[in-house]
N, C-alpha and C. Protein backbone atom coordinates (compact mmCIF):
# COMPACT_ATOMS: atom_id res chain seq x y z
N UNK A 1 52.12 43.12 100.14
CA UNK A 1 52.89 44.15 100.38
C UNK A 1 51.67 44.93 100.56
N UNK A 2 52.14 46.03 101.87
CA UNK A 2 51.25 47.09 102.63
C UNK A 2 52.17 47.96 102.35
N UNK A 3 51.87 49.10 101.30
CA UNK A 3 52.47 50.31 101.23
C UNK A 3 51.82 51.42 100.07
N UNK A 4 52.27 52.67 99.36
CA UNK A 4 51.69 53.27 99.17
C UNK A 4 51.87 52.79 97.59
N UNK A 5 52.63 51.78 97.33
CA UNK A 5 52.95 51.49 95.80
C UNK A 5 51.70 50.35 95.01
N UNK A 6 50.85 50.05 96.05
CA UNK A 6 49.82 49.56 95.29
C UNK A 6 48.60 49.98 94.76
N UNK A 7 48.38 49.63 93.84
CA UNK A 7 46.94 50.02 93.14
C UNK A 7 46.29 50.87 93.55
N UNK A 8 45.56 52.23 93.36
CA UNK A 8 44.52 52.89 93.97
C UNK A 8 45.32 53.08 95.28
N UNK A 9 46.45 53.56 95.79
CA UNK A 9 46.83 53.46 97.23
C UNK A 9 47.86 54.65 97.65
N UNK A 10 47.59 55.73 96.77
CA UNK A 10 48.65 56.59 96.85
C UNK A 10 47.43 58.18 95.94
N UNK A 11 46.80 58.59 97.03
CA UNK A 11 45.72 59.15 96.72
C UNK A 11 46.62 60.69 96.42
N UNK A 12 46.15 61.38 95.65
CA UNK A 12 46.95 62.42 95.06
C UNK A 12 46.07 63.89 94.92
N UNK A 13 45.75 65.16 95.29
CA UNK A 13 44.96 66.04 95.01
C UNK A 13 44.05 66.90 96.01
N UNK A 14 43.20 67.42 95.58
CA UNK A 14 42.60 67.51 94.08
C UNK A 14 43.27 68.48 93.19
N UNK A 15 44.54 69.25 93.63
CA UNK A 15 45.25 69.95 93.05
C UNK A 15 46.89 69.51 93.43
N UNK A 16 47.87 70.12 92.51
CA UNK A 16 49.20 70.03 92.90
C UNK A 16 50.00 71.60 92.76
N UNK A 17 50.64 71.84 94.18
CA UNK A 17 50.88 73.48 94.47
C UNK A 17 52.23 73.16 93.69
N UNK A 18 52.55 73.99 92.90
CA UNK A 18 53.58 74.50 91.98
C UNK A 18 54.76 75.06 93.42
N UNK A 19 55.76 74.66 92.89
CA UNK A 19 56.65 74.77 94.06
C UNK A 19 57.13 76.28 94.71
N UNK A 20 56.96 77.43 93.48
CA UNK A 20 57.13 78.61 93.77
C UNK A 20 56.21 79.25 94.77
N UNK A 21 54.86 78.62 94.91
CA UNK A 21 53.86 78.90 96.02
C UNK A 21 54.54 78.21 97.55
N UNK A 22 55.29 77.56 97.34
CA UNK A 22 55.68 76.56 98.95
C UNK A 22 56.22 76.94 99.70
N UNK A 23 57.32 77.97 99.24
CA UNK A 23 58.65 78.31 99.99
C UNK A 23 59.46 77.05 100.50
N UNK A 24 60.28 77.12 101.13
CA UNK A 24 61.33 76.47 101.17
C UNK A 24 60.99 74.69 101.13
N UNK A 25 60.79 74.20 100.55
CA UNK A 25 60.76 72.87 100.72
C UNK A 25 61.25 71.81 101.35
N UNK A 26 62.36 72.19 101.95
CA UNK A 26 63.42 71.83 102.93
C UNK A 26 63.11 72.03 104.42
N UNK A 27 61.92 72.38 104.81
CA UNK A 27 61.63 72.87 106.09
C UNK A 27 60.10 73.02 106.34
N UNK A 28 59.29 72.12 106.12
CA UNK A 28 57.69 71.77 105.60
C UNK A 28 57.07 70.86 106.94
N UNK A 29 56.54 71.54 107.87
CA UNK A 29 55.60 70.65 108.53
C UNK A 29 55.02 69.58 108.01
N UNK A 30 55.07 68.25 108.48
CA UNK A 30 54.30 67.27 108.04
C UNK A 30 53.44 66.64 109.17
N UNK A 31 52.20 65.92 108.96
CA UNK A 31 51.39 65.69 110.31
C UNK A 31 50.09 64.74 109.59
N UNK A 32 50.09 63.77 110.19
CA UNK A 32 48.98 62.80 109.92
C UNK A 32 48.14 62.31 111.34
N UNK A 33 46.86 62.09 110.76
CA UNK A 33 45.60 61.69 111.86
C UNK A 33 45.09 60.93 111.39
N UNK A 34 44.28 59.53 111.97
CA UNK A 34 43.98 58.77 111.74
C UNK A 34 42.75 58.37 112.63
N UNK A 35 41.66 58.90 111.71
CA UNK A 35 40.55 58.98 112.94
C UNK A 35 40.58 59.85 113.83
N UNK A 36 40.88 60.81 113.61
CA UNK A 36 40.88 62.15 114.63
C UNK A 36 42.28 61.88 115.45
N UNK A 37 42.78 60.77 115.76
CA UNK A 37 44.18 60.85 116.51
C UNK A 37 45.51 61.18 115.46
N UNK A 38 46.39 61.93 115.97
CA UNK A 38 47.54 62.23 115.52
C UNK A 38 48.41 61.33 115.54
N UNK A 39 49.11 60.58 114.61
CA UNK A 39 50.01 59.61 114.42
C UNK A 39 51.36 59.78 113.86
N UNK A 40 51.54 60.93 113.06
CA UNK A 40 52.74 61.42 112.64
C UNK A 40 53.26 62.68 112.90
N UNK A 41 53.78 63.32 113.38
CA UNK A 41 54.04 64.69 113.22
C UNK A 41 55.76 64.94 112.88
N UNK A 42 55.97 65.29 111.74
CA UNK A 42 57.88 65.31 111.34
C UNK A 42 57.96 66.76 110.48
N UNK A 43 59.05 66.80 109.82
CA UNK A 43 59.44 67.69 109.19
C UNK A 43 60.04 67.38 108.19
N UNK A 44 59.91 67.86 106.89
CA UNK A 44 61.08 67.58 105.54
C UNK A 44 62.25 67.73 105.94
N UNK A 45 62.85 68.92 106.72
CA UNK A 45 64.36 68.47 107.33
C UNK A 45 64.62 67.38 107.66
N UNK A 46 63.91 66.56 107.97
CA UNK A 46 64.16 65.36 108.63
C UNK A 46 64.58 64.17 107.62
N UNK A 47 63.96 64.66 106.46
CA UNK A 47 64.54 63.35 105.10
C UNK A 47 66.11 63.15 105.27
N UNK A 48 65.94 62.07 104.64
CA UNK A 48 67.70 61.35 104.92
C UNK A 48 68.69 62.02 103.92
N UNK A 49 67.75 62.13 102.78
CA UNK A 49 68.47 62.98 101.69
C UNK A 49 67.74 64.32 101.35
N UNK A 50 68.39 65.31 100.77
CA UNK A 50 67.50 66.49 100.56
C UNK A 50 67.20 66.34 99.07
N UNK A 51 66.08 67.16 98.48
CA UNK A 51 65.30 67.46 97.20
C UNK A 51 66.51 67.40 95.87
N UNK A 52 67.04 68.22 96.27
CA UNK A 52 68.67 68.13 95.44
C UNK A 52 69.27 66.51 94.83
N UNK A 53 69.48 66.24 96.08
CA UNK A 53 70.24 64.80 96.09
C UNK A 53 69.30 63.68 95.47
N UNK A 54 67.67 63.76 95.79
CA UNK A 54 67.27 62.80 95.43
C UNK A 54 66.72 63.03 93.70
N UNK A 55 66.72 64.25 93.48
CA UNK A 55 66.63 64.11 91.84
C UNK A 55 67.52 64.02 91.29
N UNK A 56 68.89 64.50 91.32
CA UNK A 56 70.35 63.93 90.82
C UNK A 56 69.97 62.42 90.75
N UNK A 57 69.89 61.80 91.75
CA UNK A 57 70.13 60.26 91.85
C UNK A 57 68.84 59.74 90.91
N UNK A 58 67.83 60.07 91.15
CA UNK A 58 66.75 59.91 90.10
C UNK A 58 66.76 59.76 88.49
N UNK A 59 67.36 61.09 88.32
CA UNK A 59 67.76 61.07 86.90
C UNK A 59 68.64 60.46 86.38
N UNK A 60 69.71 60.31 87.17
CA UNK A 60 70.85 59.26 86.93
C UNK A 60 70.60 57.67 86.63
N UNK A 61 69.07 57.56 87.00
CA UNK A 61 68.46 55.99 86.54
C UNK A 61 67.77 55.89 85.30
N UNK A 62 66.88 57.30 85.71
CA UNK A 62 65.75 57.13 84.71
C UNK A 62 65.25 58.52 84.26
N UNK A 63 64.73 58.72 83.52
CA UNK A 63 64.26 60.11 82.44
C UNK A 63 62.96 60.54 83.87
N UNK A 64 62.78 61.69 83.97
CA UNK A 64 61.78 62.21 84.61
C UNK A 64 61.15 63.41 83.65
N UNK A 65 59.66 63.19 83.75
CA UNK A 65 59.31 63.80 82.68
C UNK A 65 58.19 64.95 83.82
N UNK A 66 57.68 65.61 82.84
CA UNK A 66 56.77 66.98 83.48
C UNK A 66 55.34 66.07 84.19
N UNK A 67 54.97 66.40 85.58
CA UNK A 67 54.05 65.82 86.17
C UNK A 67 54.42 64.02 86.77
N UNK A 68 55.65 63.65 86.61
CA UNK A 68 56.00 62.58 87.48
C UNK A 68 55.96 62.98 88.93
N UNK A 69 56.06 62.05 89.56
CA UNK A 69 55.87 62.30 91.00
C UNK A 69 56.81 61.43 91.68
N UNK A 70 57.65 61.84 92.68
CA UNK A 70 58.58 61.12 93.27
C UNK A 70 58.32 61.05 94.52
N UNK A 71 57.98 59.68 95.21
CA UNK A 71 56.99 59.36 96.79
C UNK A 71 58.23 59.02 97.32
N UNK A 72 58.77 59.74 98.44
CA UNK A 72 60.09 59.54 99.16
C UNK A 72 60.23 58.93 100.75
N UNK A 73 58.64 58.59 101.11
CA UNK A 73 58.83 58.19 102.72
C UNK A 73 57.47 58.71 103.27
N UNK A 74 58.07 58.66 104.52
CA UNK A 74 56.99 59.23 105.75
C UNK A 74 57.71 59.66 106.62
N UNK A 75 57.21 60.69 107.70
CA UNK A 75 57.72 60.70 108.99
C UNK A 75 57.29 59.57 109.93
N UNK A 76 58.41 59.80 111.11
CA UNK A 76 58.11 58.18 111.79
C UNK A 76 56.69 58.35 112.43
N UNK A 77 56.42 57.46 112.90
CA UNK A 77 55.09 57.10 113.35
C UNK A 77 53.90 55.87 112.72
N UNK A 78 54.80 55.57 111.50
CA UNK A 78 54.01 54.21 110.59
C UNK A 78 53.91 53.25 111.09
N UNK A 79 52.52 52.92 110.89
CA UNK A 79 51.79 51.70 111.59
C UNK A 79 52.32 50.58 111.73
N UNK A 80 52.97 50.23 111.13
CA UNK A 80 53.91 49.02 111.16
C UNK A 80 55.14 49.14 112.08
N UNK A 81 55.58 50.11 112.33
CA UNK A 81 56.72 50.51 113.53
C UNK A 81 55.89 50.61 114.74
N UNK A 82 54.66 50.43 114.85
CA UNK A 82 54.29 50.63 116.17
C UNK A 82 54.54 49.68 116.95
N UNK A 83 54.02 49.66 118.56
CA UNK A 83 54.29 48.24 119.20
C UNK A 83 52.99 48.18 120.20
N UNK A 84 51.98 47.71 119.72
CA UNK A 84 51.74 46.86 118.85
C UNK A 84 51.76 47.25 117.46
N UNK A 85 51.80 46.72 116.45
CA UNK A 85 51.43 47.68 115.04
C UNK A 85 50.13 47.84 115.01
N UNK A 86 49.99 48.76 113.81
CA UNK A 86 48.55 49.32 113.41
C UNK A 86 48.42 49.32 112.14
N UNK A 87 47.30 48.85 112.00
CA UNK A 87 46.68 48.90 110.17
C UNK A 87 45.49 49.65 110.07
N UNK A 88 45.72 50.34 108.57
CA UNK A 88 44.34 50.69 108.25
C UNK A 88 43.06 49.68 107.91
N UNK A 89 41.89 50.02 108.20
CA UNK A 89 40.94 49.09 107.80
C UNK A 89 39.90 50.26 107.31
N UNK A 90 38.95 49.42 106.36
CA UNK A 90 37.89 50.18 105.55
C UNK A 90 36.96 50.81 106.65
N UNK A 91 36.66 52.09 106.04
CA UNK A 91 35.83 53.33 107.15
C UNK A 91 36.82 54.30 107.97
N UNK A 92 38.47 53.65 108.19
CA UNK A 92 39.00 54.54 108.82
C UNK A 92 39.49 55.93 107.88
N UNK A 93 39.51 57.01 108.49
CA UNK A 93 39.48 58.69 107.98
C UNK A 93 41.14 59.01 108.18
N UNK A 94 41.91 58.81 107.18
CA UNK A 94 43.43 59.35 107.03
C UNK A 94 43.43 61.19 106.70
N UNK A 95 43.67 61.80 107.92
CA UNK A 95 43.68 63.29 107.23
C UNK A 95 45.60 63.59 107.42
N UNK A 96 45.89 63.92 106.22
CA UNK A 96 47.58 64.41 106.16
C UNK A 96 47.07 65.65 105.68
N UNK A 97 48.50 66.69 106.26
CA UNK A 97 48.82 68.15 106.25
C UNK A 97 50.15 68.40 105.93
N UNK A 98 50.43 69.36 105.02
CA UNK A 98 51.91 69.50 104.51
C UNK A 98 51.73 71.12 104.83
N UNK A 99 52.61 71.62 105.60
CA UNK A 99 52.73 73.06 105.60
C UNK A 99 52.73 73.82 103.96
N UNK A 100 51.72 74.77 104.12
CA UNK A 100 52.42 75.83 102.61
C UNK A 100 51.41 74.74 101.45
N UNK A 101 51.19 73.72 101.67
CA UNK A 101 50.54 72.90 100.76
C UNK A 101 49.18 72.57 100.51
N UNK A 102 48.57 72.21 101.95
CA UNK A 102 47.26 71.99 102.36
C UNK A 102 47.23 70.40 102.76
N UNK A 103 45.69 70.36 102.95
CA UNK A 103 45.62 69.18 103.72
C UNK A 103 44.25 68.26 103.07
N UNK A 104 44.66 66.73 103.15
CA UNK A 104 44.09 66.02 102.20
C UNK A 104 43.46 64.76 103.52
N UNK A 105 42.10 64.58 102.94
CA UNK A 105 41.43 63.64 104.00
C UNK A 105 41.01 62.47 102.82
N UNK A 106 41.36 60.99 103.33
CA UNK A 106 40.90 60.00 102.72
C UNK A 106 40.31 59.14 103.49
N UNK A 107 38.84 58.55 103.11
CA UNK A 107 38.30 57.52 103.77
C UNK A 107 39.14 56.25 102.85
N UNK A 108 39.26 55.30 103.98
CA UNK A 108 39.94 53.75 103.75
C UNK A 108 38.74 52.94 103.28
N UNK A 109 38.87 52.23 101.88
CA UNK A 109 37.77 51.37 101.30
C UNK A 109 38.53 50.46 101.40
N UNK A 110 37.40 49.02 101.25
CA UNK A 110 38.35 47.78 101.14
C UNK A 110 38.65 47.49 99.75
N UNK A 111 39.90 46.79 99.61
CA UNK A 111 40.41 46.48 98.46
C UNK A 111 39.58 45.60 97.63
N UNK A 112 39.45 46.06 96.08
CA UNK A 112 38.42 44.88 95.35
C UNK A 112 39.23 44.08 95.06
């Protein structure tokens, strides 16, 4: 299984931005670079389901608690969908930026 649902495969932080500081969460630019090469360029308005729908759906299935995180997916350009497919390797540097939230840089390490 190759995804952000693996142990240690979903980096967060170093802080969480409260919604009232983000602005319109339905219109945020989202960009990803791997080793300095831009791989994804999207916007939250392109999500299949909007935030209220996702929260209604999730809370119908289970209880959400303060601090819970809903992981909704990624803009187009994911490595497995590329031709040929591209995968991350130890030492690769992934930089992800979300407008009004910030930028996080993660260096890929080998799975133990």
